[in-house]
Each structure stands twice: as structure tokens, then as C-alpha cells.
Amino acid sequence: MLIVCFVLVGRWIYRTNANAHLLSGDMTITPGWAIGWYFVPFANLVKPYQGMKETWLASHEAGGLHEETETALLPWWWGLWLVTNILGNISMQITLRADGFDAPSSQAVRLIDLAAAALNVPLCLILIRLMRRLARAQVLARQVSAFT
């Protein structure tokens, strides 16, 4: 299911970025790189956020939603994404370094995994809200452009 979610969200990111390119000439992150940056070490800490922010701004400005260009959704989404991924990496490193069954390290892994899972709930809820608001902005932008 996780792979299916990654593919579906990745496809959505690609499509919304491509739509935003039609709405604005100020975009610097292409649809392919909006996805590709997630797989480039170190750049994946900043570039996917930059791509989403450009998509957000272009979509909301073209839709006439200038008052909604600044939002707390993007930083919260990205911050939670980074934290859950860092926790997952810490958990994996502890597991790989443990010699056999080590009670303290297995307890630490369970606690870290529990924290990551708990943070995934608000992360997913924020992503859904982000997706809905971006979709609405792009629909409005399409309607505005049809009459100009």
C-alpha cells in the first residue's frame, strides 16, 4: 500500500506542477524534477519543498487567490515529512547495528517507529488538505484564464 501511495502522490505532484507551468512562466522546477528531487541525496531536503511552493504560488496567483499565497500548510507538511523520514532512518540504523536481540535497542526502535507512525497521521491529513486547496486553486485558475 505504501508503494501505491507513493506512486499516486508522485503522479499528483507531477500533474499539479505541470498545470502550474501552464499558469506561470516563473516556475524553475519542472514536473519531472518535482518528483526526481525526492531521490537526490541532500537536495531532497530542500528541492521538493521548493517545487511544491512554486506550484502553490503559481496556482493561487493565477486563480486570483492572492490572500492564500502564504500558508502554514506547506511548512507543516514539509516539516512532518522530514521528521518522519529522519525517524525512519534512525530506526533502520539502530536495527542494522544491533547484534541479535538486544532489548534496549529493540525497545528504542519500537518507540521511534511509534513516534513516526503517530506523526504520519497529521502528515497525511495536511497532505490531503494541501491537495484539495491546490486542486481548487488550479480549477479557479483555469476558469479565470478561460475568460481573459
C-alpha atoms as a PDB file:
ATOM      1  CA  MET A   1       0.000   0.000   0.000  1.00  0.00           C
ATOM      2  CA  LEU A   2       2.869   2.366   0.767  1.00  0.00           C
ATOM      3  CA  ILE A   3       4.272   1.981  -2.750  1.00  0.00           C
ATOM      4  CA  VAL A   4       0.816   2.595  -4.231  1.00  0.00           C
ATOM      5  CA  CYS A   5       0.517   5.787  -2.140  1.00  0.00           C
ATOM      6  CA  PHE A   6       3.977   6.938  -3.262  1.00  0.00           C
ATOM      7  CA  VAL A   7       3.051   6.384  -6.913  1.00  0.00           C
ATOM      8  CA  LEU A   8      -0.319   8.133  -6.615  1.00  0.00           C
ATOM      9  CA  VAL A   9       1.026  11.142  -4.688  1.00  0.00           C
ATOM     10  CA  GLY A  10       4.012  11.323  -7.042  1.00  0.00           C
ATOM     11  CA  ARG A  11       1.687  11.358 -10.025  1.00  0.00           C
ATOM     12  CA  TRP A  12      -0.373  14.102  -8.387  1.00  0.00           C
ATOM     13  CA  ILE A  13       2.764  16.187  -7.699  1.00  0.00           C
ATOM     14  CA  TYR A  14       3.851  15.770 -11.319  1.00  0.00           C
ATOM     15  CA  ARG A  15       0.429  16.751 -12.669  1.00  0.00           C
ATOM     16  CA  THR A  16      -0.074  19.800 -10.425  1.00  0.00           C
ATOM     17  CA  ASN A  17       3.427  21.039 -11.242  1.00  0.00           C
ATOM     18  CA  ALA A  18       2.743  20.590 -14.977  1.00  0.00           C
ATOM     19  CA  ASN A  19      -0.523  22.523 -14.583  1.00  0.00           C
ATOM     20  CA  ALA A  20       1.300  25.290 -12.703  1.00  0.00           C
ATOM     21  CA  HIS A  21       3.797  25.562 -15.581  1.00  0.00           C
ATOM     22  CA  LEU A  22       0.856  26.354 -17.864  1.00  0.00           C
ATOM     23  CA  LEU A  23      -0.245  29.084 -15.453  1.00  0.00           C
ATOM     24  CA  SER A  24       3.106  30.792 -14.817  1.00  0.00           C
ATOM     25  CA  GLY A  25       6.387  31.339 -16.564  1.00  0.00           C
ATOM     26  CA  ASP A  26       8.175  31.843 -13.230  1.00  0.00           C
ATOM     27  CA  MET A  27       8.495  28.144 -12.419  1.00  0.00           C
ATOM     28  CA  THR A  28      12.052  26.807 -12.066  1.00  0.00           C
ATOM     29  CA  ILE A  29      11.305  23.185 -11.068  1.00  0.00           C
ATOM     30  CA  THR A  30       9.988  21.057 -13.934  1.00  0.00           C
ATOM     31  CA  PRO A  31       7.355  18.346 -13.378  1.00  0.00           C
ATOM     32  CA  GLY A  32       9.982  15.615 -13.729  1.00  0.00           C
ATOM     33  CA  TRP A  33      12.279  17.240 -11.192  1.00  0.00           C
ATOM     34  CA  ALA A  34       9.357  17.905  -8.840  1.00  0.00           C
ATOM     35  CA  ILE A  35       9.477  14.111  -8.400  1.00  0.00           C
ATOM     36  CA  GLY A  36      13.146  13.479  -9.138  1.00  0.00           C
ATOM     37  CA  TRP A  37      14.446  15.698  -6.338  1.00  0.00           C
ATOM     38  CA  TYR A  38      12.974  13.298  -3.757  1.00  0.00           C
ATOM     39  CA  PHE A  39      15.647  10.778  -4.815  1.00  0.00           C
ATOM     40  CA  VAL A  40      18.723  13.058  -4.842  1.00  0.00           C
ATOM     41  CA  PRO A  41      20.617  12.953  -1.522  1.00  0.00           C
ATOM     42  CA  PHE A  42      20.888  16.268   0.313  1.00  0.00           C
ATOM     43  CA  ALA A  43      18.922  18.096  -2.414  1.00  0.00           C
ATOM     44  CA  ASN A  44      15.906  16.079  -1.235  1.00  0.00           C
ATOM     45  CA  LEU A  45      15.957  18.140   1.955  1.00  0.00           C
ATOM     46  CA  VAL A  46      15.049  21.365   0.130  1.00  0.00           C
ATOM     47  CA  LYS A  47      14.185  20.969  -3.554  1.00  0.00           C
ATOM     48  CA  PRO A  48      10.884  19.042  -3.260  1.00  0.00           C
ATOM     49  CA  TYR A  49       9.611  21.768  -0.921  1.00  0.00           C
ATOM     50  CA  GLN A  50      10.735  24.441  -3.376  1.00  0.00           C
ATOM     51  CA  GLY A  51       8.871  22.659  -6.180  1.00  0.00           C
ATOM     52  CA  MET A  52       5.693  22.414  -4.133  1.00  0.00           C
ATOM     53  CA  LYS A  53       5.941  26.051  -3.062  1.00  0.00           C
ATOM     54  CA  GLU A  54       6.360  27.207  -6.674  1.00  0.00           C
ATOM     55  CA  THR A  55       3.354  25.101  -7.667  1.00  0.00           C
ATOM     56  CA  TRP A  56       1.321  26.557  -4.794  1.00  0.00           C
ATOM     57  CA  LEU A  57       2.218  30.171  -5.591  1.00  0.00           C
ATOM     58  CA  ALA A  58       1.672  29.880  -9.343  1.00  0.00           C
ATOM     59  CA  SER A  59      -1.681  28.133  -8.878  1.00  0.00           C
ATOM     60  CA  HIS A  60      -3.032  30.537  -6.267  1.00  0.00           C
ATOM     61  CA  GLU A  61      -1.858  33.675  -8.042  1.00  0.00           C
ATOM     62  CA  ALA A  62      -3.343  32.527 -11.368  1.00  0.00           C
ATOM     63  CA  GLY A  63      -6.588  31.658  -9.602  1.00  0.00           C
ATOM     64  CA  GLY A  64      -6.833  35.145  -8.111  1.00  0.00           C
ATOM     65  CA  LEU A  65      -6.330  33.775  -4.600  1.00  0.00           C
ATOM     66  CA  HIS A  66      -3.592  36.227  -3.666  1.00  0.00           C
ATOM     67  CA  GLU A  67      -4.599  36.234   0.006  1.00  0.00           C
ATOM     68  CA  GLU A  68      -3.950  32.474   0.159  1.00  0.00           C
ATOM     69  CA  THR A  69      -0.439  32.505  -1.279  1.00  0.00           C
ATOM     70  CA  GLU A  70       1.039  32.459   2.221  1.00  0.00           C
ATOM     71  CA  THR A  71       0.024  29.320   4.063  1.00  0.00           C
ATOM     72  CA  ALA A  72       1.208  27.313   7.040  1.00  0.00           C
ATOM     73  CA  LEU A  73       0.252  24.080   5.264  1.00  0.00           C
ATOM     74  CA  LEU A  74       3.447  23.879   3.220  1.00  0.00           C
ATOM     75  CA  PRO A  75       5.952  24.246   6.079  1.00  0.00           C
ATOM     76  CA  TRP A  76       3.957  21.882   8.302  1.00  0.00           C
ATOM     77  CA  TRP A  77       3.704  19.305   5.512  1.00  0.00           C
ATOM     78  CA  TRP A  78       7.396  19.510   4.729  1.00  0.00           C
ATOM     79  CA  GLY A  79       8.499  19.585   8.373  1.00  0.00           C
ATOM     80  CA  LEU A  80       6.456  16.494   9.212  1.00  0.00           C
ATOM     81  CA  TRP A  81       7.723  14.760   6.061  1.00  0.00           C
ATOM     82  CA  LEU A  82      11.339  15.409   7.071  1.00  0.00           C
ATOM     83  CA  VAL A  83      10.828  14.367  10.704  1.00  0.00           C
ATOM     84  CA  THR A  84       9.063  11.095   9.822  1.00  0.00           C
ATOM     85  CA  ASN A  85      11.768  10.221   7.303  1.00  0.00           C
ATOM     86  CA  ILE A  86      14.564  11.038   9.749  1.00  0.00           C
ATOM     87  CA  LEU A  87      12.897   8.896  12.421  1.00  0.00           C
ATOM     88  CA  GLY A  88      12.571   6.048   9.913  1.00  0.00           C
ATOM     89  CA  ASN A  89      16.261   6.304   9.054  1.00  0.00           C
ATOM     90  CA  ILE A  90      17.270   6.341  12.730  1.00  0.00           C
ATOM     91  CA  SER A  91      15.125   3.262  13.354  1.00  0.00           C
ATOM     92  CA  MET A  92      16.709   1.454  10.411  1.00  0.00           C
ATOM     93  CA  GLN A  93      20.248   2.352  11.539  1.00  0.00           C
ATOM     94  CA  ILE A  94      19.618   1.082  15.071  1.00  0.00           C
ATOM     95  CA  THR A  95      18.170  -2.147  13.678  1.00  0.00           C
ATOM     96  CA  LEU A  96      21.122  -2.692  11.321  1.00  0.00           C
ATOM     97  CA  ARG A  97      23.681  -2.085  14.071  1.00  0.00           C
ATOM     98  CA  ALA A  98      22.040  -4.254  16.723  1.00  0.00           C
ATOM     99  CA  ASP A  99      23.714  -7.606  17.397  1.00  0.00           C
ATOM    100  CA  GLY A 100      20.931 -10.141  17.608  1.00  0.00           C
ATOM    101  CA  PHE A 101      18.090  -9.484  20.012  1.00  0.00           C
ATOM    102  CA  ASP A 102      19.086  -6.530  22.131  1.00  0.00           C
ATOM    103  CA  ALA A 103      16.234  -5.453  24.413  1.00  0.00           C
ATOM    104  CA  PRO A 104      17.248  -1.787  24.809  1.00  0.00           C
ATOM    105  CA  SER A 105      17.769  -1.249  21.079  1.00  0.00           C
ATOM    106  CA  SER A 106      14.595  -3.113  20.113  1.00  0.00           C
ATOM    107  CA  GLN A 107      12.645  -1.007  22.622  1.00  0.00           C
ATOM    108  CA  ALA A 108      14.167   2.161  21.147  1.00  0.00           C
ATOM    109  CA  VAL A 109      13.230   1.031  17.630  1.00  0.00           C
ATOM    110  CA  ARG A 110       9.634   0.381  18.720  1.00  0.00           C
ATOM    111  CA  LEU A 111       9.372   3.829  20.326  1.00  0.00           C
ATOM    112  CA  ILE A 112      10.876   5.568  17.298  1.00  0.00           C
ATOM    113  CA  ASP A 113       8.567   3.651  14.943  1.00  0.00           C
ATOM    114  CA  LEU A 114       5.592   4.531  17.139  1.00  0.00           C
ATOM    115  CA  ALA A 115       6.527   8.231  17.057  1.00  0.00           C
ATOM    116  CA  ALA A 116       6.932   8.140  13.271  1.00  0.00           C
ATOM    117  CA  ALA A 117       3.565   6.400  12.855  1.00  0.00           C
ATOM    118  CA  ALA A 118       1.875   8.936  15.143  1.00  0.00           C
ATOM    119  CA  LEU A 119       3.342  11.813  13.123  1.00  0.00           C
ATOM    120  CA  ASN A 120       2.210  10.211   9.865  1.00  0.00           C
ATOM    121  CA  VAL A 121      -1.425  10.846  10.814  1.00  0.00           C
ATOM    122  CA  PRO A 122      -1.196  14.666  10.821  1.00  0.00           C
ATOM    123  CA  LEU A 123       1.202  14.478   7.856  1.00  0.00           C
ATOM    124  CA  CYS A 124      -1.409  12.650   5.782  1.00  0.00           C
ATOM    125  CA  LEU A 125      -4.223  14.952   6.905  1.00  0.00           C
ATOM    126  CA  ILE A 126      -2.177  18.028   5.982  1.00  0.00           C
ATOM    127  CA  LEU A 127      -1.271  16.488   2.612  1.00  0.00           C
ATOM    128  CA  ILE A 128      -4.951  15.845   1.863  1.00  0.00           C
ATOM    129  CA  ARG A 129      -5.811  19.443   2.747  1.00  0.00           C
ATOM    130  CA  LEU A 130      -2.909  20.687   0.629  1.00  0.00           C
ATOM    131  CA  MET A 131      -4.087  18.581  -2.309  1.00  0.00           C
ATOM    132  CA  ARG A 132      -7.651  19.857  -2.043  1.00  0.00           C
ATOM    133  CA  ARG A 133      -6.613  23.509  -1.837  1.00  0.00           C
ATOM    134  CA  LEU A 134      -4.204  23.199  -4.748  1.00  0.00           C
ATOM    135  CA  ALA A 135      -6.838  21.437  -6.850  1.00  0.00           C
ATOM    136  CA  ARG A 136      -9.334  24.210  -6.067  1.00  0.00           C
ATOM    137  CA  ALA A 137      -6.793  26.904  -6.960  1.00  0.00           C
ATOM    138  CA  GLN A 138      -5.994  25.232 -10.268  1.00  0.00           C
ATOM    139  CA  VAL A 139      -9.678  24.871 -11.155  1.00  0.00           C
ATOM    140  CA  LEU A 140     -10.206  28.574 -10.387  1.00  0.00           C
ATOM    141  CA  ALA A 141      -7.112  29.469 -12.422  1.00  0.00           C
ATOM    142  CA  ARG A 142      -8.468  27.533 -15.386  1.00  0.00           C
ATOM    143  CA  GLN A 143     -11.797  29.362 -15.105  1.00  0.00           C
ATOM    144  CA  VAL A 144     -10.072  32.758 -14.835  1.00  0.00           C
ATOM    145  CA  SER A 145      -7.912  32.043 -17.884  1.00  0.00           C
ATOM    146  CA  ALA A 146     -10.959  30.977 -19.888  1.00  0.00           C
ATOM    147  CA  PHE A 147     -12.418  34.472 -19.521  1.00  0.00           C
ATOM    148  CA  THR A 148      -9.273  36.525 -20.091  1.00  0.00           C
END
